[in-house]
N, C-alpha and C. Protein backbone atom coordinates (compact mmCIF):
# COMPACT_ATOMS: atom_id res chain seq x y z
N UNK A 1 -65.81 -62.81 12.26
CA UNK A 1 -64.58 -62.59 12.90
C UNK A 1 -63.53 -62.19 11.86
N UNK A 2 -63.64 -62.81 10.74
CA UNK A 2 -62.70 -62.49 9.66
C UNK A 2 -62.79 -61.01 9.33
N UNK A 3 -63.99 -60.48 9.33
CA UNK A 3 -64.17 -59.07 9.02
C UNK A 3 -63.46 -58.22 10.07
N UNK A 4 -63.53 -58.66 11.33
CA UNK A 4 -62.88 -57.93 12.41
C UNK A 4 -61.37 -57.88 12.17
N UNK A 5 -60.78 -59.06 11.85
CA UNK A 5 -59.34 -59.12 11.61
C UNK A 5 -58.96 -58.35 10.35
N UNK A 6 -59.83 -58.41 9.37
CA UNK A 6 -59.55 -57.63 8.15
C UNK A 6 -59.54 -56.14 8.48
N UNK A 7 -60.51 -55.72 9.30
CA UNK A 7 -60.61 -54.32 9.68
C UNK A 7 -59.38 -53.91 10.48
N UNK A 8 -58.95 -54.74 11.42
CA UNK A 8 -57.75 -54.46 12.22
C UNK A 8 -56.53 -54.44 11.31
N UNK A 9 -56.44 -55.32 10.35
CA UNK A 9 -55.32 -55.35 9.41
C UNK A 9 -55.27 -54.08 8.58
N UNK A 10 -56.49 -53.63 8.16
CA UNK A 10 -56.53 -52.39 7.39
C UNK A 10 -56.10 -51.20 8.26
N UNK A 11 -56.57 -51.20 9.51
CA UNK A 11 -56.18 -50.13 10.43
C UNK A 11 -54.67 -50.15 10.67
N UNK A 12 -54.14 -51.35 10.86
CA UNK A 12 -52.69 -51.46 11.07
C UNK A 12 -51.92 -51.00 9.83
N UNK A 13 -52.42 -51.38 8.66
CA UNK A 13 -51.78 -50.93 7.42
C UNK A 13 -51.78 -49.41 7.32
N UNK A 14 -52.93 -48.81 7.67
CA UNK A 14 -53.03 -47.34 7.61
C UNK A 14 -52.09 -46.69 8.63
N UNK A 15 -52.06 -47.24 9.85
CA UNK A 15 -51.18 -46.70 10.89
C UNK A 15 -49.73 -46.86 10.46
N UNK A 16 -49.39 -48.03 9.94
CA UNK A 16 -48.03 -48.29 9.49
C UNK A 16 -47.66 -47.35 8.34
N UNK A 17 -48.59 -47.18 7.41
CA UNK A 17 -48.36 -46.30 6.26
C UNK A 17 -48.14 -44.87 6.73
N UNK A 18 -48.99 -44.43 7.67
CA UNK A 18 -48.88 -43.08 8.20
C UNK A 18 -47.55 -42.90 8.94
N UNK A 19 -47.15 -43.89 9.74
CA UNK A 19 -45.88 -43.82 10.47
C UNK A 19 -44.70 -43.76 9.50
N UNK A 20 -44.76 -44.59 8.46
CA UNK A 20 -43.68 -44.60 7.46
C UNK A 20 -43.61 -43.25 6.76
N UNK A 21 -44.79 -42.70 6.40
CA UNK A 21 -44.82 -41.40 5.74
C UNK A 21 -44.24 -40.31 6.65
N UNK A 22 -44.64 -40.35 7.93
CA UNK A 22 -44.12 -39.35 8.88
C UNK A 22 -42.61 -39.49 9.04
N UNK A 23 -42.16 -40.74 9.16
CA UNK A 23 -40.71 -40.97 9.29
C UNK A 23 -39.98 -40.47 8.06
N UNK A 24 -40.53 -40.76 6.88
CA UNK A 24 -39.90 -40.31 5.64
C UNK A 24 -39.89 -38.78 5.56
N UNK A 25 -41.01 -38.16 5.95
CA UNK A 25 -41.07 -36.69 5.92
C UNK A 25 -40.06 -36.09 6.89
N UNK A 26 -39.98 -36.67 8.10
CA UNK A 26 -39.02 -36.18 9.09
C UNK A 26 -37.59 -36.35 8.58
N UNK A 27 -37.31 -37.54 8.03
CA UNK A 27 -35.97 -37.79 7.49
C UNK A 27 -35.65 -36.81 6.37
N UNK A 28 -36.63 -36.59 5.50
CA UNK A 28 -36.43 -35.66 4.39
C UNK A 28 -36.20 -34.25 4.91
N UNK A 29 -37.00 -33.82 5.88
CA UNK A 29 -36.84 -32.49 6.47
C UNK A 29 -35.46 -32.34 7.10
N UNK A 30 -35.05 -33.37 7.85
CA UNK A 30 -33.73 -33.33 8.49
C UNK A 30 -32.62 -33.27 7.44
N UNK A 31 -32.76 -34.10 6.39
CA UNK A 31 -31.75 -34.10 5.33
C UNK A 31 -31.67 -32.74 4.65
N UNK A 32 -32.85 -32.17 4.36
CA UNK A 32 -32.88 -30.85 3.71
C UNK A 32 -32.27 -29.80 4.64
N UNK A 33 -32.63 -29.84 5.93
CA UNK A 33 -32.08 -28.90 6.91
C UNK A 33 -30.56 -29.02 6.98
N UNK A 34 -30.09 -30.26 7.08
CA UNK A 34 -28.64 -30.48 7.16
C UNK A 34 -27.94 -30.01 5.90
N UNK A 35 -28.53 -30.31 4.74
CA UNK A 35 -27.94 -29.85 3.48
C UNK A 35 -27.90 -28.32 3.42
N UNK A 36 -29.01 -27.70 3.83
CA UNK A 36 -29.06 -26.23 3.83
C UNK A 36 -28.02 -25.64 4.77
N UNK A 37 -27.92 -26.21 5.98
CA UNK A 37 -26.93 -25.74 6.95
C UNK A 37 -25.52 -25.90 6.40
N UNK A 38 -25.27 -27.08 5.82
CA UNK A 38 -23.94 -27.35 5.26
C UNK A 38 -23.64 -26.37 4.12
N UNK A 39 -24.60 -26.19 3.23
CA UNK A 39 -24.39 -25.26 2.11
C UNK A 39 -24.20 -23.83 2.61
N UNK A 40 -24.98 -23.45 3.62
CA UNK A 40 -24.84 -22.11 4.18
C UNK A 40 -23.46 -21.93 4.80
N UNK A 41 -23.01 -22.93 5.56
CA UNK A 41 -21.68 -22.87 6.16
C UNK A 41 -20.60 -22.72 5.08
N UNK A 42 -20.73 -23.53 4.02
CA UNK A 42 -19.76 -23.45 2.94
C UNK A 42 -19.79 -22.07 2.27
N UNK A 43 -21.01 -21.56 2.04
CA UNK A 43 -21.13 -20.25 1.42
C UNK A 43 -20.51 -19.16 2.30
N UNK A 44 -20.80 -19.25 3.60
CA UNK A 44 -20.26 -18.25 4.53
C UNK A 44 -18.74 -18.36 4.57
N UNK A 45 -18.22 -19.58 4.65
CA UNK A 45 -16.77 -19.78 4.66
C UNK A 45 -16.13 -19.21 3.39
N UNK A 46 -16.75 -19.50 2.26
CA UNK A 46 -16.23 -19.00 0.98
C UNK A 46 -16.27 -17.48 0.93
N UNK A 47 -17.38 -16.90 1.38
CA UNK A 47 -17.50 -15.44 1.40
C UNK A 47 -16.45 -14.81 2.32
N UNK A 48 -16.30 -15.39 3.50
CA UNK A 48 -15.32 -14.87 4.46
C UNK A 48 -13.92 -14.99 3.87
N UNK A 49 -13.63 -16.12 3.25
CA UNK A 49 -12.32 -16.33 2.64
C UNK A 49 -12.06 -15.29 1.56
N UNK A 50 -13.04 -15.07 0.70
CA UNK A 50 -12.89 -14.07 -0.37
C UNK A 50 -12.71 -12.67 0.20
N UNK A 51 -13.51 -12.36 1.22
CA UNK A 51 -13.39 -11.04 1.85
C UNK A 51 -12.01 -10.85 2.46
N UNK A 52 -11.53 -11.87 3.15
CA UNK A 52 -10.20 -11.79 3.76
C UNK A 52 -9.11 -11.63 2.70
N UNK A 53 -9.25 -12.36 1.62
CA UNK A 53 -8.26 -12.25 0.54
C UNK A 53 -8.27 -10.83 -0.04
N UNK A 54 -9.46 -10.28 -0.24
CA UNK A 54 -9.56 -8.92 -0.78
C UNK A 54 -8.94 -7.91 0.19
N UNK A 55 -9.27 -8.07 1.47
CA UNK A 55 -8.73 -7.15 2.47
C UNK A 55 -7.21 -7.27 2.52
N UNK A 56 -6.71 -8.48 2.48
CA UNK A 56 -5.27 -8.70 2.50
C UNK A 56 -4.62 -8.07 1.27
N UNK A 57 -5.20 -8.29 0.11
CA UNK A 57 -4.66 -7.70 -1.12
C UNK A 57 -4.64 -6.18 -1.02
N UNK A 58 -5.73 -5.61 -0.52
CA UNK A 58 -5.80 -4.15 -0.38
C UNK A 58 -4.75 -3.66 0.61
N UNK A 59 -4.60 -4.37 1.72
CA UNK A 59 -3.61 -3.97 2.72
C UNK A 59 -2.20 -4.02 2.14
N UNK A 60 -1.91 -5.10 1.43
CA UNK A 60 -0.59 -5.25 0.82
C UNK A 60 -0.37 -4.14 -0.20
N UNK A 61 -1.39 -3.88 -1.02
CA UNK A 61 -1.30 -2.83 -2.03
C UNK A 61 -1.05 -1.47 -1.38
N UNK A 62 -1.82 -1.18 -0.32
CA UNK A 62 -1.66 0.10 0.37
C UNK A 62 -0.28 0.21 1.01
N UNK A 63 0.18 -0.89 1.61
CA UNK A 63 1.51 -0.88 2.22
C UNK A 63 2.58 -0.63 1.16
N UNK A 64 2.44 -1.30 0.02
CA UNK A 64 3.42 -1.12 -1.05
C UNK A 64 3.40 0.32 -1.56
N UNK A 65 2.21 0.87 -1.76
CA UNK A 65 2.10 2.25 -2.22
C UNK A 65 2.72 3.21 -1.21
N UNK A 66 2.42 2.97 0.06
CA UNK A 66 2.96 3.84 1.11
C UNK A 66 4.49 3.75 1.14
N UNK A 67 5.01 2.54 1.08
CA UNK A 67 6.46 2.35 1.09
C UNK A 67 7.10 2.99 -0.13
N UNK A 68 6.45 2.84 -1.27
CA UNK A 68 6.98 3.44 -2.49
C UNK A 68 7.00 4.96 -2.37
N UNK A 69 5.92 5.53 -1.84
CA UNK A 69 5.87 6.98 -1.65
C UNK A 69 6.99 7.44 -0.72
N UNK A 70 7.18 6.70 0.38
CA UNK A 70 8.24 7.07 1.32
C UNK A 70 9.61 6.98 0.66
N UNK A 71 9.83 5.91 -0.09
CA UNK A 71 11.10 5.74 -0.78
C UNK A 71 11.33 6.87 -1.78
N UNK A 72 10.29 7.20 -2.53
CA UNK A 72 10.41 8.29 -3.51
C UNK A 72 10.70 9.62 -2.83
N UNK A 73 10.02 9.88 -1.73
CA UNK A 73 10.27 11.12 -0.99
C UNK A 73 11.71 11.17 -0.49
N UNK A 74 12.18 10.06 0.06
CA UNK A 74 13.54 10.00 0.58
C UNK A 74 14.56 10.22 -0.54
N UNK A 75 14.34 9.56 -1.68
CA UNK A 75 15.26 9.72 -2.81
C UNK A 75 15.23 11.15 -3.32
N UNK A 76 14.03 11.72 -3.42
CA UNK A 76 13.91 13.10 -3.89
C UNK A 76 14.62 14.06 -2.94
N UNK A 77 14.46 13.84 -1.63
CA UNK A 77 15.16 14.68 -0.66
C UNK A 77 16.67 14.57 -0.84
N UNK A 78 17.15 13.35 -1.03
CA UNK A 78 18.60 13.16 -1.20
C UNK A 78 19.09 13.86 -2.46
N UNK A 79 18.33 13.72 -3.54
CA UNK A 79 18.73 14.35 -4.80
C UNK A 79 18.72 15.86 -4.64
N UNK A 80 17.68 16.39 -4.00
CA UNK A 80 17.61 17.84 -3.80
C UNK A 80 18.75 18.33 -2.91
N UNK A 81 19.07 17.57 -1.87
CA UNK A 81 20.18 17.94 -1.00
C UNK A 81 21.50 17.94 -1.77
N UNK A 82 21.70 16.92 -2.59
CA UNK A 82 22.93 16.85 -3.38
C UNK A 82 23.00 18.01 -4.37
N UNK A 83 21.87 18.31 -5.02
CA UNK A 83 21.84 19.43 -5.96
C UNK A 83 22.15 20.74 -5.24
N UNK A 84 21.54 20.91 -4.07
CA UNK A 84 21.77 22.13 -3.30
C UNK A 84 23.24 22.22 -2.89
N UNK A 85 23.80 21.12 -2.42
CA UNK A 85 25.21 21.10 -2.03
C UNK A 85 26.10 21.46 -3.21
N UNK A 86 25.80 20.88 -4.37
CA UNK A 86 26.60 21.17 -5.56
C UNK A 86 26.46 22.64 -5.96
N UNK A 87 25.23 23.15 -5.90
CA UNK A 87 25.02 24.56 -6.25
C UNK A 87 25.78 25.48 -5.30
N UNK A 88 25.69 25.19 -4.01
CA UNK A 88 26.39 26.01 -3.02
C UNK A 88 27.90 25.91 -3.25
N UNK A 89 28.37 24.71 -3.48
CA UNK A 89 29.80 24.50 -3.71
C UNK A 89 30.27 25.27 -4.94
N UNK A 90 29.50 25.20 -6.02
CA UNK A 90 29.86 25.92 -7.25
C UNK A 90 29.83 27.42 -7.03
N UNK A 91 28.80 27.90 -6.31
CA UNK A 91 28.72 29.33 -6.02
C UNK A 91 29.91 29.78 -5.18
N UNK A 92 30.26 28.98 -4.18
CA UNK A 92 31.40 29.33 -3.34
C UNK A 92 32.70 29.35 -4.15
N UNK A 93 32.89 28.35 -4.99
CA UNK A 93 34.08 28.31 -5.84
C UNK A 93 34.14 29.53 -6.76
N UNK A 94 33.00 29.84 -7.36
CA UNK A 94 32.95 30.99 -8.28
C UNK A 94 33.26 32.29 -7.52
N UNK A 95 32.63 32.45 -6.36
CA UNK A 95 32.87 33.65 -5.56
C UNK A 95 34.32 33.73 -5.09
N UNK A 96 34.87 32.60 -4.71
CA UNK A 96 36.26 32.57 -4.27
C UNK A 96 37.20 32.95 -5.42
N UNK A 97 36.96 32.39 -6.59
CA UNK A 97 37.78 32.72 -7.76
C UNK A 97 37.69 34.22 -8.07
N UNK A 98 36.47 34.75 -8.03
CA UNK A 98 36.27 36.17 -8.34
C UNK A 98 36.98 37.04 -7.29
N UNK A 99 36.84 36.66 -6.02
CA UNK A 99 37.50 37.42 -4.95
C UNK A 99 39.02 37.34 -5.09
N UNK A 100 39.52 36.15 -5.40
CA UNK A 100 40.97 35.99 -5.57
C UNK A 100 41.48 36.82 -6.74
N UNK A 101 40.75 36.84 -7.83
CA UNK A 101 41.14 37.64 -8.99
C UNK A 101 41.18 39.13 -8.62
N UNK A 102 40.17 39.58 -7.89
CA UNK A 102 40.10 40.99 -7.51
C UNK A 102 41.26 41.34 -6.58
N UNK A 103 41.52 40.49 -5.61
CA UNK A 103 42.62 40.74 -4.68
C UNK A 103 43.95 40.72 -5.42
N UNK A 104 44.11 39.75 -6.31
CA UNK A 104 45.34 39.66 -7.08
C UNK A 104 45.55 40.90 -7.94
N UNK A 105 44.49 41.38 -8.56
CA UNK A 105 44.58 42.60 -9.37
C UNK A 105 45.00 43.78 -8.50
N UNK A 106 44.39 43.89 -7.31
CA UNK A 106 44.73 45.00 -6.42
C UNK A 106 46.19 44.92 -5.98
N UNK A 107 46.64 43.72 -5.64
CA UNK A 107 48.03 43.55 -5.20
C UNK A 107 48.97 43.88 -6.35
N UNK A 108 48.66 43.40 -7.55
CA UNK A 108 49.52 43.69 -8.70
C UNK A 108 49.55 45.18 -9.01
N UNK A 109 48.40 45.84 -8.91
CA UNK A 109 48.35 47.28 -9.16
C UNK A 109 49.19 48.02 -8.13
N UNK A 110 49.07 47.61 -6.86
CA UNK A 110 49.86 48.27 -5.82
C UNK A 110 51.35 48.05 -6.04
N UNK A 111 51.72 46.84 -6.42
CA UNK A 111 53.13 46.54 -6.67
C UNK A 111 53.63 47.34 -7.87
N UNK A 112 52.80 47.42 -8.90
CA UNK A 112 53.18 48.15 -10.10
C UNK A 112 53.33 49.64 -9.78
N UNK A 113 52.44 50.15 -8.99
CA UNK A 113 52.50 51.56 -8.61
C UNK A 113 53.75 51.84 -7.78
N UNK A 114 54.05 50.97 -6.86
CA UNK A 114 55.20 51.17 -5.98
C UNK A 114 56.52 51.05 -6.74
N UNK A 115 56.59 50.12 -7.63
CA UNK A 115 57.84 49.84 -8.32
C UNK A 115 58.09 50.80 -9.48
N UNK A 116 57.09 51.33 -10.09
CA UNK A 116 57.26 52.12 -11.32
C UNK A 116 56.79 53.55 -11.18
N UNK A 117 56.32 53.90 -10.03
CA UNK A 117 55.72 55.22 -9.82
C UNK A 117 54.57 55.49 -10.77
N UNK A 118 53.97 54.43 -11.21
CA UNK A 118 52.78 54.56 -12.08
C UNK A 118 51.64 55.04 -11.22
N UNK A 119 50.86 56.01 -11.67
CA UNK A 119 49.81 56.54 -10.81
C UNK A 119 48.65 55.58 -10.63
N UNK A 120 48.61 54.54 -11.38
CA UNK A 120 47.52 53.57 -11.25
C UNK A 120 46.48 53.75 -12.33
N UNK A 121 45.51 52.89 -12.32
CA UNK A 121 44.47 53.00 -13.34
C UNK A 121 43.69 54.30 -13.16
N UNK A 122 42.99 54.70 -14.18
CA UNK A 122 42.28 55.98 -14.12
C UNK A 122 41.26 56.04 -12.98
N UNK A 123 40.74 54.96 -12.57
CA UNK A 123 39.72 55.00 -11.52
C UNK A 123 40.31 54.73 -10.14
N UNK A 124 41.63 54.67 -10.02
CA UNK A 124 42.29 54.39 -8.75
C UNK A 124 42.17 55.60 -7.83
N UNK A 125 42.08 55.38 -6.54
CA UNK A 125 42.02 56.51 -5.61
C UNK A 125 43.34 57.26 -5.55
N UNK A 126 43.34 58.55 -5.38
CA UNK A 126 44.56 59.37 -5.42
C UNK A 126 44.85 59.96 -4.08
């Protein structure tokens, strides 16, 4: 009978050992799975965060470049308009001065001719 109980004890030990091993393997598999999932989630979060930061930096950079280009264009247009206005103003002043001088010369010549009976300059109409 002792042999029977010894045999049952050995069987129970083997069953218990096998159950413990299976439980340990399952626990280990679950722990590894959870660790892998957690690490994957962290990696994905980190990658997404980095990608978003890069995209944001690029967007900000592009916006700044675009705004700078617009500002430069606007300033250049203003400067060109001012230069054009100044050039036109100077040309008008110069033309006005020249026209006034010519008219004044003609008036003076006519007055001189009328008052002195001077026939006028050699190229004057007769």
